[in-house]
């Protein structure tokens, strides 16, 4: 798992904010394009992932591999049937239970 903070995520051109509320932030982290500038402290990625930040606890979790695939399926379902904010936050709460990494600001 890459050790990236939300600040790194916002600075990196291959990362896109998907959701931002008082309780959570979700960022889609995409593989580095060959021509995209990458800061030396940001690791190269082989595949997509998602960073979920629980602002209440100050912790984050990075989903890649099968976890990212499951989360991508959830996003696709949300696109078909627009959820309420409460439904989104309930789902994010479940993923946030996996969060162990404190959010670090550089």
Protein backbone atom coordinates (compact mmCIF):
# COMPACT_ATOMS: atom_id res chain seq x y z
CA UNK A 1 0.00 0.00 0.00
CA UNK A 2 1.38 3.40 -0.90
CA UNK A 3 1.81 5.70 2.05
CA UNK A 4 0.28 8.91 0.65
CA UNK A 5 -1.52 11.65 2.47
CA UNK A 6 -4.55 13.51 1.20
CA UNK A 7 -2.27 16.50 0.52
CA UNK A 8 -0.10 14.35 -1.78
CA UNK A 9 -3.28 13.18 -3.46
CA UNK A 10 -4.51 16.69 -4.16
CA UNK A 11 -1.16 17.74 -5.63
CA UNK A 12 -0.78 14.73 -7.92
CA UNK A 13 -2.26 15.13 -11.42
CA UNK A 14 -3.34 11.46 -11.65
CA UNK A 15 -5.61 11.78 -8.62
CA UNK A 16 -9.18 13.01 -8.55
CA UNK A 17 -11.44 13.93 -5.66
CA UNK A 18 -14.65 11.89 -5.90
CA UNK A 19 -16.36 12.84 -2.66
CA UNK A 20 -15.81 15.41 0.06
CA UNK A 21 -18.04 15.97 3.09
CA UNK A 22 -17.58 17.00 6.70
CA UNK A 23 -16.95 13.36 7.63
CA UNK A 24 -15.20 11.78 4.61
CA UNK A 25 -13.05 12.43 1.57
CA UNK A 26 -12.61 9.91 -1.25
CA UNK A 27 -9.92 10.24 -3.90
CA UNK A 28 -9.50 8.07 -7.00
CA UNK A 29 -5.81 7.35 -7.52
CA UNK A 30 -4.98 6.43 -11.09
CA UNK A 31 -1.80 4.79 -12.43
CA UNK A 32 0.92 7.21 -13.39
CA UNK A 33 0.87 8.12 -17.05
CA UNK A 34 4.27 7.97 -18.74
CA UNK A 35 4.14 11.70 -19.47
CA UNK A 36 2.63 12.84 -16.15
CA UNK A 37 5.05 14.62 -13.81
CA UNK A 38 5.47 12.73 -10.55
CA UNK A 39 7.00 14.16 -7.40
CA UNK A 40 9.93 12.06 -6.13
CA UNK A 41 8.15 11.12 -2.89
CA UNK A 42 5.04 9.74 -4.67
CA UNK A 43 5.38 6.04 -5.54
CA UNK A 44 4.56 4.82 -9.04
CA UNK A 45 1.27 2.94 -9.22
CA UNK A 46 0.53 -0.12 -11.30
CA UNK A 47 -3.26 0.08 -10.97
CA UNK A 48 -6.15 2.20 -9.74
CA UNK A 49 -6.90 2.63 -6.08
CA UNK A 50 -9.03 4.70 -3.75
CA UNK A 51 -8.03 6.67 -0.69
CA UNK A 52 -10.78 7.07 1.90
CA UNK A 53 -10.14 9.58 4.66
CA UNK A 54 -12.27 9.54 7.80
CA UNK A 55 -12.00 13.16 8.88
CA UNK A 56 -13.57 12.42 12.26
CA UNK A 57 -10.87 9.95 13.32
CA UNK A 58 -8.04 11.53 11.32
CA UNK A 59 -7.29 8.17 9.68
CA UNK A 60 -7.18 6.95 6.11
CA UNK A 61 -7.32 3.68 4.23
CA UNK A 62 -5.98 3.00 0.74
CA UNK A 63 -7.93 0.44 -1.27
CA UNK A 64 -6.21 -1.37 -4.11
CA UNK A 65 -6.52 -4.76 -5.73
CA UNK A 66 -9.74 -6.61 -4.95
CA UNK A 67 -10.78 -3.96 -2.38
CA UNK A 68 -10.54 -1.29 -5.09
CA UNK A 69 -12.52 -3.47 -7.49
CA UNK A 70 -15.30 -3.86 -4.91
CA UNK A 71 -15.33 -0.12 -4.27
CA UNK A 72 -15.41 0.57 -8.04
CA UNK A 73 -18.46 -1.70 -8.28
CA UNK A 74 -20.09 0.34 -5.51
CA UNK A 75 -19.40 3.56 -7.43
CA UNK A 76 -20.91 2.04 -10.58
CA UNK A 77 -24.03 1.06 -8.60
CA UNK A 78 -24.27 4.61 -7.24
CA UNK A 79 -24.11 5.95 -10.79
CA UNK A 80 -27.11 3.81 -11.75
CA UNK A 81 -29.14 4.56 -8.62
CA UNK A 82 -28.18 7.88 -7.06
CA UNK A 83 -27.83 7.32 -3.31
CA UNK A 84 -28.58 9.76 -0.53
CA UNK A 85 -25.67 11.31 1.32
CA UNK A 86 -26.59 9.14 4.31
CA UNK A 87 -26.32 5.97 2.17
CA UNK A 88 -22.92 7.06 0.84
CA UNK A 89 -21.64 7.88 4.30
CA UNK A 90 -22.93 4.57 5.71
CA UNK A 91 -20.96 2.72 3.03
CA UNK A 92 -17.85 4.83 3.63
CA UNK A 93 -18.19 4.18 7.36
CA UNK A 94 -17.81 0.47 6.65
CA UNK A 95 -14.59 1.03 4.71
CA UNK A 96 -13.35 3.53 7.30
CA UNK A 97 -13.35 0.74 9.86
CA UNK A 98 -10.32 -0.58 7.97
CA UNK A 99 -8.46 2.73 8.40
CA UNK A 100 -5.30 2.39 10.48
CA UNK A 101 -3.04 5.03 8.95
CA UNK A 102 -3.15 8.49 10.53
CA UNK A 103 -3.55 11.31 8.01
CA UNK A 104 -0.22 13.13 7.78
CA UNK A 105 0.06 16.67 6.48
CA UNK A 106 3.41 17.60 4.94
